Amino acid sequence: MFKKFKEDIEVVFEQDPAARNYLEVILTYSGLHAIWAHRIAHAFFKRKFYFIARAISQISRFFTGIEIHPGAKIGRRFFIDHGMGVVIGETCEIGNNVTVFQGVTLGGTGKERGKRHPTIKDNALIATGAKVLGSITIGENSKIGAGSVVLKEVPANSTVVGVPGRVVIQDGKKINRDLNHSDLPDPIADRLRELQEELSHLKQELHGVKEERRIK
């Protein structure tokens, strides 16, 4: 347990350039506090002390703004950047070296029972405001772009953007975890441009037909 706590501190320094010293990180990082509270709550949850586990998670939510169900399984070196509004469901499974940003939801799609929340594989990154819903898997080394809504499986080494989320990059190589939120492919904008071009082409054809009729 204490080894994981130490790793949780170390990953903050690796992922956040604003982290200056251990005291500051330990006392002021709400994402770190939420992860630590979850590790304690999860230990009680596994021993079937459900009320204590849930109480710890709700107290943590009150102080950090981050809601992690005590039943969620979280691996090593998990990093929550800023964190306000993050929600992680009961049957969610998160691998090692995963990073999530503020406003991320790892939730369900309804009242189904059993495995109803996502599985996030190692080295994945989920950007600001993204929603990953249902019992789906986000593959290793994959990135979910800011504001995306993901409802389907994501292969390893992929980048997903849009609503609904679509895979826009998959090259079989490990993707750098430093996601540039402002420089992502936008399939919706691309499709709108295509529609605009088709509309312009149709207008030109219609104009040509009108000219032919006027001459006749």
Protein backbone atom coordinates (compact mmCIF):
# COMPACT_ATOMS: atom_id res chain seq x y z
CA MET A 1 0.00 0.00 0.00
CA PHE A 2 2.72 2.50 1.01
CA LYS A 3 4.71 1.63 -2.12
CA LYS A 4 1.69 2.60 -4.23
CA PHE A 5 1.32 5.84 -2.28
CA LYS A 6 4.94 6.72 -3.07
CA GLU A 7 4.42 5.91 -6.75
CA ASP A 8 1.33 8.11 -6.79
CA ILE A 9 3.48 11.04 -5.64
CA GLU A 10 6.26 10.33 -8.13
CA VAL A 11 3.88 10.25 -11.11
CA VAL A 12 2.66 13.75 -10.21
CA PHE A 13 6.17 15.12 -10.71
CA GLU A 14 6.46 13.24 -14.00
CA GLN A 15 3.12 14.44 -15.40
CA ASP A 16 2.68 17.93 -13.93
CA PRO A 17 5.39 20.55 -14.60
CA ALA A 18 3.75 22.81 -11.98
CA ALA A 19 4.64 20.40 -9.14
CA ARG A 20 7.47 21.98 -7.13
CA ASN A 21 8.07 19.93 -4.01
CA TYR A 22 6.77 16.95 -2.06
CA LEU A 23 5.05 19.00 0.64
CA GLU A 24 3.07 20.99 -1.90
CA VAL A 25 2.02 17.86 -3.77
CA ILE A 26 1.01 15.95 -0.65
CA LEU A 27 -1.01 18.81 0.84
CA THR A 28 -2.61 20.49 -2.17
CA TYR A 29 -3.19 17.99 -4.99
CA SER A 30 -6.85 16.94 -4.89
CA GLY A 31 -6.32 14.23 -7.53
CA LEU A 32 -3.70 12.62 -5.33
CA HIS A 33 -5.99 12.84 -2.28
CA ALA A 34 -8.83 11.20 -4.23
CA ILE A 35 -6.60 8.32 -5.34
CA TRP A 36 -5.32 7.73 -1.82
CA ALA A 37 -8.83 7.80 -0.38
CA HIS A 38 -9.93 5.35 -3.06
CA ARG A 39 -7.13 2.91 -2.26
CA ILE A 40 -8.29 2.86 1.36
CA ALA A 41 -11.98 2.63 0.42
CA HIS A 42 -11.29 -0.15 -2.06
CA ALA A 43 -9.48 -2.17 0.61
CA PHE A 44 -12.63 -2.00 2.78
CA PHE A 45 -14.84 -2.75 -0.25
CA LYS A 46 -12.91 -5.96 -1.01
CA ARG A 47 -13.47 -7.07 2.59
CA LYS A 48 -17.22 -6.38 2.19
CA PHE A 49 -17.27 -3.39 4.54
CA TYR A 50 -19.43 -1.64 1.98
CA PHE A 51 -20.81 1.13 4.17
CA ILE A 52 -17.37 2.21 5.42
CA ALA A 53 -16.01 2.06 1.90
CA ARG A 54 -18.83 4.17 0.51
CA ALA A 55 -18.57 6.66 3.37
CA ILE A 56 -14.86 7.18 2.65
CA SER A 57 -15.55 7.70 -1.05
CA GLN A 58 -18.30 10.25 -0.34
CA ILE A 59 -16.12 12.19 2.10
CA SER A 60 -13.39 12.22 -0.53
CA ARG A 61 -15.88 13.45 -3.11
CA PHE A 62 -16.93 16.30 -0.82
CA PHE A 63 -13.37 17.54 -0.33
CA THR A 64 -11.90 16.85 -3.78
CA GLY A 65 -14.79 17.09 -6.26
CA ILE A 66 -13.76 13.68 -7.61
CA GLU A 67 -16.11 10.71 -7.31
CA ILE A 68 -14.56 7.25 -7.47
CA HIS A 69 -16.76 4.32 -6.52
CA PRO A 70 -14.93 2.12 -3.99
CA GLY A 71 -15.54 -0.93 -6.18
CA ALA A 72 -13.52 0.46 -9.09
CA LYS A 73 -10.19 -1.28 -9.75
CA ILE A 74 -7.32 1.12 -10.31
CA GLY A 75 -3.77 0.12 -11.20
CA ARG A 76 -0.45 1.71 -10.36
CA ARG A 77 0.73 5.20 -11.25
CA PHE A 78 -2.75 6.55 -11.95
CA PHE A 79 -2.75 10.34 -12.40
CA ILE A 80 -5.72 12.72 -12.23
CA ASP A 81 -4.81 16.19 -13.51
CA HIS A 82 -6.82 18.93 -11.71
CA GLY A 83 -9.67 16.45 -11.36
CA MET A 84 -12.78 18.46 -10.58
CA GLY A 85 -15.85 16.64 -11.91
CA VAL A 86 -14.16 13.29 -12.56
CA VAL A 87 -16.54 10.33 -12.09
CA ILE A 88 -15.42 6.69 -12.10
CA GLY A 89 -18.04 3.94 -11.85
CA GLU A 90 -18.17 0.80 -9.73
CA THR A 91 -17.13 -1.82 -12.30
CA CYS A 92 -14.55 0.36 -14.01
CA GLU A 93 -11.11 -1.23 -14.39
CA ILE A 94 -8.11 1.01 -14.93
CA GLY A 95 -4.64 -0.28 -15.80
CA ASN A 96 -1.20 1.14 -15.04
CA ASN A 97 0.16 4.55 -16.07
CA VAL A 98 -3.27 5.94 -16.99
CA THR A 99 -3.90 9.70 -17.02
CA VAL A 100 -7.28 11.45 -16.89
CA PHE A 101 -8.09 15.15 -16.90
CA GLN A 102 -10.85 17.17 -15.25
CA GLY A 103 -14.47 16.47 -16.14
CA VAL A 104 -13.88 12.91 -17.34
CA THR A 105 -16.66 10.37 -16.83
CA LEU A 106 -16.04 6.63 -16.91
CA GLY A 107 -19.65 5.57 -16.53
CA GLY A 108 -22.46 3.26 -17.56
CA THR A 109 -25.16 3.64 -20.19
CA GLY A 110 -28.19 2.61 -18.15
CA LYS A 111 -29.40 0.33 -15.39
CA GLU A 112 -27.75 -2.84 -16.67
CA ARG A 113 -26.14 -5.13 -14.10
CA GLY A 114 -22.78 -6.85 -14.05
CA LYS A 115 -19.83 -5.27 -15.86
CA ARG A 116 -21.31 -1.95 -16.97
CA HIS A 117 -18.37 0.46 -16.89
CA PRO A 118 -15.28 0.80 -19.09
CA THR A 119 -11.98 -1.01 -18.93
CA ILE A 120 -9.03 1.33 -19.51
CA LYS A 121 -5.83 -0.43 -20.50
CA ASP A 122 -2.24 0.59 -19.64
CA ASN A 123 -0.80 3.94 -20.76
CA ALA A 124 -4.13 5.37 -21.91
CA LEU A 125 -4.87 9.09 -21.70
CA ILE A 126 -8.38 10.56 -21.43
CA ALA A 127 -8.55 14.30 -22.01
CA THR A 128 -10.70 17.03 -20.51
CA GLY A 129 -14.45 16.45 -20.46
CA ALA A 130 -14.37 13.12 -22.30
CA LYS A 131 -17.12 10.60 -21.57
CA VAL A 132 -16.40 6.87 -21.89
CA LEU A 133 -19.63 4.97 -21.35
CA GLY A 134 -20.59 1.32 -21.10
CA SER A 135 -18.73 -1.95 -20.77
CA ILE A 136 -16.16 -1.18 -23.45
CA THR A 137 -12.38 -1.38 -23.59
CA ILE A 138 -9.97 1.44 -24.32
CA GLY A 139 -6.84 -0.20 -25.68
CA GLU A 140 -3.28 0.28 -24.52
CA ASN A 141 -1.50 3.53 -25.42
CA SER A 142 -4.72 5.08 -26.72
CA LYS A 143 -5.86 8.70 -26.36
CA ILE A 144 -9.37 10.05 -26.01
CA GLY A 145 -9.61 13.66 -27.16
CA ALA A 146 -11.17 16.46 -25.12
CA GLY A 147 -14.99 16.45 -25.12
CA SER A 148 -15.29 13.12 -26.91
CA VAL A 149 -18.13 10.69 -26.14
CA VAL A 150 -16.92 7.12 -26.59
CA LEU A 151 -19.50 4.33 -26.82
CA LYS A 152 -17.57 1.66 -28.75
CA GLU A 153 -14.37 -0.34 -28.30
CA VAL A 154 -11.13 1.51 -29.00
CA PRO A 155 -8.19 -0.53 -30.36
CA ALA A 156 -4.70 -0.18 -28.93
CA ASN A 157 -2.51 2.68 -30.14
CA SER A 158 -5.46 4.79 -31.27
CA THR A 159 -6.58 8.40 -31.00
CA VAL A 160 -10.33 9.06 -30.69
CA VAL A 161 -12.12 12.39 -31.13
CA GLY A 162 -15.67 13.60 -31.71
CA VAL A 163 -19.25 12.92 -30.66
CA PRO A 164 -19.73 10.05 -30.96
CA GLY A 165 -16.06 9.20 -30.63
CA ARG A 166 -14.29 7.96 -33.75
CA VAL A 167 -10.83 6.48 -34.19
CA VAL A 168 -8.83 8.94 -36.30
CA ILE A 169 -5.30 7.64 -35.77
CA GLN A 170 -4.18 4.02 -35.49
CA ASP A 171 -0.71 3.25 -36.74
CA GLY A 172 0.30 0.32 -34.58
CA LYS A 173 2.99 2.34 -32.81
CA LYS A 174 3.04 3.61 -29.28
CA ILE A 175 1.59 7.10 -29.10
CA ASN A 176 3.27 9.84 -27.07
CA ARG A 177 1.19 10.49 -23.96
CA ASP A 178 1.66 14.28 -24.27
CA LEU A 179 -1.67 14.90 -25.99
CA ASN A 180 -1.93 18.28 -27.69
CA HIS A 181 -5.58 19.16 -27.07
CA SER A 182 -5.56 21.96 -29.65
CA ASP A 183 -4.14 19.93 -32.54
CA LEU A 184 -6.44 16.96 -33.08
CA PRO A 185 -8.19 15.72 -36.22
CA ASP A 186 -11.89 16.73 -36.29
CA PRO A 187 -13.98 14.23 -38.29
CA ILE A 188 -17.16 16.29 -37.83
CA ALA A 189 -15.56 19.41 -39.27
CA ASP A 190 -14.13 17.35 -42.13
CA ARG A 191 -17.57 15.97 -42.95
CA LEU A 192 -19.14 19.43 -42.82
CA ARG A 193 -16.55 20.67 -45.29
CA GLU A 194 -17.37 17.76 -47.61
CA LEU A 195 -21.09 18.58 -47.38
CA GLN A 196 -20.37 22.23 -48.11
CA GLU A 197 -18.40 21.27 -51.22
CA GLU A 198 -21.21 18.97 -52.38
CA LEU A 199 -23.76 21.74 -51.82
CA SER A 200 -21.68 24.21 -53.83
CA HIS A 201 -21.38 21.67 -56.65
CA LEU A 202 -25.17 21.13 -56.69
CA LYS A 203 -25.78 24.88 -56.76
CA GLN A 204 -23.47 25.20 -59.76
CA GLU A 205 -25.31 22.40 -61.58
CA LEU A 206 -28.69 23.95 -60.76
CA HIS A 207 -27.51 27.33 -61.99
CA GLY A 208 -26.35 25.70 -65.25
CA VAL A 209 -29.76 24.06 -65.77
CA LYS A 210 -31.53 27.38 -65.20
CA GLU A 211 -29.27 29.09 -67.75
CA GLU A 212 -29.97 26.38 -70.34
CA ARG A 213 -33.75 26.79 -69.86
CA ARG A 214 -33.48 30.60 -70.10
CA ILE A 215 -31.58 30.37 -73.41
CA LYS A 216 -34.13 27.92 -74.85
